[in-house]
Amino acid sequence: MCYDLDKATGGELSEWRTEYLASLSDLEAAVEKGTEDVTIQEVSKATEKAVAKAKAAAEKAADDAKVAAKAGKPGCINVTVSGEFDGEVAVLVDYAQEARNTAKLLALERVPPGIRKISAHARQGTKQLEASQFEVKSGLQDFRITLTLRHSRGCTPHRD
C-alpha cells in the first residue's frame, strides 16, 4: 500500500511540477509582454511630449522670425517742428541731412530702425536753434521736436 501511495504521490508531484513550471513560463511571458507594452507606452508618451515641444519651438521660432523681419524694415517718421524760426529748418538723421523745408511738418522715409540721432537745425535771426533725440522703430511714427537756442561748444578764454 505504501508503494502504491508513493507511486501515486510521485506521479501527482511530477504532474504538479510540470504544471507549475508551465505556469511560471506563462507568467514570465506575461511579464515580458507587459514590460513591452509599458515600454511602448512610455516611449509613445515621450515621443508625444517631444513632438509637442518641437512643435511649440517651431511656432515660437516662426513668430520670432516674423518679429525680426518686421523690426528690420525701415521706418517712416512725421517730424513736427515747434518753435519759431526764420527761413528753413533742416532735419538730420545720424548727422546726414534728410530734409530741408520752410514747413513745420516734414516726412522722413526709409529711416533704418534702431537708435538714431534725429536733429533739427534752424536760425532765428542770428541765433542758432537745435533739438535732437529719438529711437526709430519700423512702421509709421510721429515725432515732435521743439527748437531751442543752441549752446556754443567752444572754449572761452581765461582772463587774469
Foldseek 3Di string as FASTA:
>chain_A
DVVVVVVVVVVVVVVVVVVVVVVVVVVVVVVVVVVVVVVVVVVVVVVVVVVVVVVVVVVVVVVVVVVVVQQFWFAKEWEAEDDDFPDWKFKDKQNHTQDIDPHRIDMGPRHTFAWIWIKIWGHHVPFIWMWIGDGGGHYYYYHYTYTDTDDDPDDDDDDD
